C-alpha atoms as a PDB file:
ATOM      1  CA  MET A   1       0.058   0.068  -0.022  1.00  0.00           C
ATOM      2  CA  MET A   2       2.801   2.558   0.883  1.00  0.00           C
ATOM      3  CA  ASP A   3       4.522   1.141  -1.998  1.00  0.00           C
ATOM      4  CA  GLN A   4       1.708   2.315  -4.268  1.00  0.00           C
ATOM      5  CA  LEU A   5       1.284   5.688  -2.615  1.00  0.00           C
ATOM      6  CA  LEU A   6       5.130   6.753  -3.362  1.00  0.00           C
ATOM      7  CA  TYR A   7       5.553   5.294  -6.633  1.00  0.00           C
ATOM      8  CA  SER A   8       2.109   5.227  -8.719  1.00  0.00           C
ATOM      9  CA  SER A   9       3.000   8.751 -10.196  1.00  0.00           C
ATOM     10  CA  ALA A  10       6.493   8.947  -9.341  1.00  0.00           C
ATOM     11  CA  LYS A  11       9.049   9.692 -12.118  1.00  0.00           C
ATOM     12  CA  PRO A  12      11.912   7.035 -13.200  1.00  0.00           C
ATOM     13  CA  PHE A  13      14.079   8.631 -10.381  1.00  0.00           C
ATOM     14  CA  GLN A  14      11.918   9.604  -7.673  1.00  0.00           C
ATOM     15  CA  SER A  15      11.457   5.976  -6.805  1.00  0.00           C
ATOM     16  CA  SER A  16      15.530   5.409  -6.424  1.00  0.00           C
ATOM     17  CA  VAL A  17      15.289   7.640  -3.875  1.00  0.00           C
ATOM     18  CA  TRP A  18      14.616   5.869  -1.165  1.00  0.00           C
ATOM     19  CA  ILE A  19      17.299   2.983  -1.881  1.00  0.00           C
ATOM     20  CA  LYS A  20      18.464   1.556   1.375  1.00  0.00           C
ATOM     21  CA  LEU A  21      22.033   2.161   0.764  1.00  0.00           C
ATOM     22  CA  THR A  22      21.560   5.721   1.227  1.00  0.00           C
ATOM     23  CA  LEU A  23      21.164   7.223   4.779  1.00  0.00           C
ATOM     24  CA  PRO A  24      17.778   8.539   5.849  1.00  0.00           C
ATOM     25  CA  LYS A  25      18.636  11.841   5.417  1.00  0.00           C
ATOM     26  CA  VAL A  26      20.278  11.619   2.211  1.00  0.00           C
ATOM     27  CA  GLN A  27      17.081  10.473   1.091  1.00  0.00           C
ATOM     28  CA  LEU A  28      14.789  12.728   2.272  1.00  0.00           C
ATOM     29  CA  PHE A  29      16.908  15.733   0.839  1.00  0.00           C
ATOM     30  CA  LEU A  30      16.809  14.489  -2.540  1.00  0.00           C
ATOM     31  CA  TRP A  31      13.157  13.838  -2.423  1.00  0.00           C
ATOM     32  CA  LEU A  32      12.471  17.470  -1.334  1.00  0.00           C
ATOM     33  CA  LEU A  33      15.278  18.817  -4.004  1.00  0.00           C
ATOM     34  CA  ILE A  34      12.952  16.783  -7.177  1.00  0.00           C
ATOM     35  CA  GLN A  35       9.924  18.325  -5.598  1.00  0.00           C
ATOM     36  CA  ASP A  36      11.789  21.672  -5.654  1.00  0.00           C
ATOM     37  CA  LYS A  37      11.211  22.284  -1.718  1.00  0.00           C
ATOM     38  CA  VAL A  38      15.113  22.631  -0.792  1.00  0.00           C
ATOM     39  CA  THR A  39      15.036  26.436   0.268  1.00  0.00           C
ATOM     40  CA  THR A  40      17.674  28.168  -1.684  1.00  0.00           C
ATOM     41  CA  ARG A  41      19.033  31.765  -1.119  1.00  0.00           C
ATOM     42  CA  ASP A  42      16.700  33.242  -3.571  1.00  0.00           C
ATOM     43  CA  PHE A  43      13.889  31.993  -1.354  1.00  0.00           C
ATOM     44  CA  LEU A  44      14.898  33.817   1.463  1.00  0.00           C
ATOM     45  CA  PHE A  45      16.010  36.699  -0.556  1.00  0.00           C
ATOM     46  CA  GLN A  46      11.990  36.645  -2.218  1.00  0.00           C
ATOM     47  CA  HIS A  47      10.917  36.961   1.544  1.00  0.00           C
ATOM     48  CA  ASP A  48      13.212  39.302   2.716  1.00  0.00           C
ATOM     49  CA  TYR A  49      15.287  37.406   4.983  1.00  0.00           C
ATOM     50  CA  LEU A  50      18.308  38.153   2.769  1.00  0.00           C
ATOM     51  CA  THR A  51      19.820  41.447   0.542  1.00  0.00           C
ATOM     52  CA  LEU A  52      20.308  40.649  -2.624  1.00  0.00           C
ATOM     53  CA  GLN A  53      24.034  40.617  -2.301  1.00  0.00           C
ATOM     54  CA  GLU A  54      23.424  37.513   0.454  1.00  0.00           C
ATOM     55  CA  SER A  55      21.359  35.630  -1.915  1.00  0.00           C
ATOM     56  CA  ARG A  56      24.580  35.254  -4.393  1.00  0.00           C
ATOM     57  CA  CYS A  57      25.413  31.757  -4.929  1.00  0.00           C
ATOM     58  CA  ALA A  58      28.199  30.379  -2.408  1.00  0.00           C
ATOM     59  CA  PHE A  59      30.292  28.837  -5.277  1.00  0.00           C
ATOM     60  CA  CYS A  60      30.283  31.263  -7.511  1.00  0.00           C
ATOM     61  CA  ASN A  61      28.880  34.243  -6.219  1.00  0.00           C
ATOM     62  CA  LYS A  62      28.074  35.475  -9.623  1.00  0.00           C
ATOM     63  CA  SER A  63      24.014  34.389  -9.955  1.00  0.00           C
ATOM     64  CA  LEU A  64      21.295  34.192  -7.404  1.00  0.00           C
ATOM     65  CA  GLU A  65      21.304  30.961  -5.815  1.00  0.00           C
ATOM     66  CA  SER A  66      18.427  28.637  -6.863  1.00  0.00           C
ATOM     67  CA  LEU A  67      18.170  25.113  -6.874  1.00  0.00           C
ATOM     68  CA  SER A  68      18.864  25.070 -10.799  1.00  0.00           C
ATOM     69  CA  HIS A  69      21.609  27.384 -10.466  1.00  0.00           C
ATOM     70  CA  LEU A  70      23.073  25.704  -7.601  1.00  0.00           C
ATOM     71  CA  PHE A  71      22.445  22.082  -8.685  1.00  0.00           C
ATOM     72  CA  ILE A  72      23.390  22.506 -12.225  1.00  0.00           C
ATOM     73  CA  HIS A  73      23.770  25.749 -13.950  1.00  0.00           C
ATOM     74  CA  CYS A  74      26.718  27.081 -11.427  1.00  0.00           C
ATOM     75  CA  HIS A  75      29.899  27.020 -13.461  1.00  0.00           C
ATOM     76  CA  PHE A  76      31.676  25.153 -10.436  1.00  0.00           C
ATOM     77  CA  THR A  77      28.844  22.838 -10.151  1.00  0.00           C
ATOM     78  CA  TRP A  78      28.795  21.878 -14.081  1.00  0.00           C
ATOM     79  CA  ASN A  79      32.178  21.174 -14.127  1.00  0.00           C
ATOM     80  CA  ILE A  80      31.936  18.763 -11.188  1.00  0.00           C
ATOM     81  CA  TRP A  81      29.297  17.064 -13.124  1.00  0.00           C
ATOM     82  CA  MET A  82      31.156  17.093 -16.562  1.00  0.00           C
ATOM     83  CA  LYS A  83      33.888  15.352 -15.077  1.00  0.00           C
ATOM     84  CA  LEU A  84      32.090  13.068 -13.684  1.00  0.00           C
ATOM     85  CA  LEU A  85      30.468  12.208 -16.667  1.00  0.00           C
ATOM     86  CA  SER A  86      33.295  12.339 -18.945  1.00  0.00           C
ATOM     87  CA  ASN A  87      35.417   9.741 -17.082  1.00  0.00           C
ATOM     88  CA  ARG A  88      32.705   7.517 -17.671  1.00  0.00           C
ATOM     89  CA  GLY A  89      32.235   7.967 -21.231  1.00  0.00           C
ATOM     90  CA  PHE A  90      29.427   9.943 -21.524  1.00  0.00           C
ATOM     91  CA  CYS A  91      28.588  13.658 -22.468  1.00  0.00           C
ATOM     92  CA  SER A  92      25.411  15.838 -21.161  1.00  0.00           C
ATOM     93  CA  VAL A  93      23.953  19.074 -21.893  1.00  0.00           C
ATOM     94  CA  PHE A  94      22.556  21.626 -19.908  1.00  0.00           C
ATOM     95  CA  PRO A  95      19.194  20.315 -18.686  1.00  0.00           C
ATOM     96  CA  LYS A  96      16.602  23.117 -17.633  1.00  0.00           C
ATOM     97  CA  SER A  97      15.459  22.005 -14.187  1.00  0.00           C
ATOM     98  CA  VAL A  98      16.828  19.517 -11.201  1.00  0.00           C
ATOM     99  CA  ASP A  99      13.839  17.418 -12.014  1.00  0.00           C
ATOM    100  CA  ASP A 100      15.264  17.098 -15.869  1.00  0.00           C
ATOM    101  CA  MET A 101      18.524  16.630 -14.675  1.00  0.00           C
ATOM    102  CA  CYS A 102      17.300  13.679 -12.489  1.00  0.00           C
ATOM    103  CA  TYR A 103      15.763  12.443 -15.717  1.00  0.00           C
ATOM    104  CA  GLN A 104      18.327  12.313 -17.570  1.00  0.00           C
ATOM    105  CA  TRP A 105      20.731  11.119 -15.241  1.00  0.00           C
ATOM    106  CA  SER A 106      18.151   7.935 -14.210  1.00  0.00           C
ATOM    107  CA  SER A 107      17.713   7.194 -17.965  1.00  0.00           C
ATOM    108  CA  MET A 108      21.977   6.910 -18.912  1.00  0.00           C
ATOM    109  CA  VAL A 109      22.678   3.543 -17.686  1.00  0.00           C
ATOM    110  CA  LYS A 110      20.441   0.172 -18.108  1.00  0.00           C
ATOM    111  CA  GLY A 111      20.162  -2.811 -16.116  1.00  0.00           C
ATOM    112  CA  LYS A 112      19.323  -2.928 -12.283  1.00  0.00           C
ATOM    113  CA  GLN A 113      23.179  -3.220 -10.761  1.00  0.00           C
ATOM    114  CA  GLN A 114      24.509  -0.268 -12.896  1.00  0.00           C
ATOM    115  CA  ASN A 115      21.303   1.601 -12.207  1.00  0.00           C
ATOM    116  CA  LEU A 116      21.555   1.347  -8.536  1.00  0.00           C
ATOM    117  CA  SER A 117      25.622   2.025  -8.185  1.00  0.00           C
ATOM    118  CA  TRP A 118      24.719   5.096 -11.068  1.00  0.00           C
ATOM    119  CA  GLN A 119      22.093   6.589  -8.561  1.00  0.00           C
ATOM    120  CA  LEU A 120      24.256   5.838  -5.300  1.00  0.00           C
ATOM    121  CA  LEU A 121      26.927   7.849  -7.454  1.00  0.00           C
ATOM    122  CA  PHE A 122      24.172  10.771  -8.073  1.00  0.00           C
ATOM    123  CA  SER A 123      23.163  10.808  -4.485  1.00  0.00           C
ATOM    124  CA  CYS A 124      26.730  11.106  -3.377  1.00  0.00           C
ATOM    125  CA  VAL A 125      27.767  14.280  -5.770  1.00  0.00           C
ATOM    126  CA  VAL A 126      24.152  16.020  -4.868  1.00  0.00           C
ATOM    127  CA  TRP A 127      24.652  15.400  -1.027  1.00  0.00           C
ATOM    128  CA  ASN A 128      28.054  16.727  -0.925  1.00  0.00           C
ATOM    129  CA  LEU A 129      27.582  19.729  -3.288  1.00  0.00           C
END
């Protein structure tokens, strides 16, 4: 019953968030990330908790820190993803959103064991950013 509630309308990556090999706090963070519910500096700026200057990306200090910027479009972050992918023989284009990135990532490999290790790698990178 619980599986049906969690996975019935889930996209391919969403169900792999709950793999048992990751810590519950990482699972929850990934779930919130996919749901676009992680609080970033742009949210805090929009609600007058930060100034415009304080709401810039912690990595590049150039753009407003949004989910898509922080996890995809920031030059620092994108270099990490590209090095990771190129070391494994993949190439990629900029996804529009974090959700698109998760979908793209989950469809890169086939096979249960490969997919598991691929999702673990993704989880580790996102958690450590």
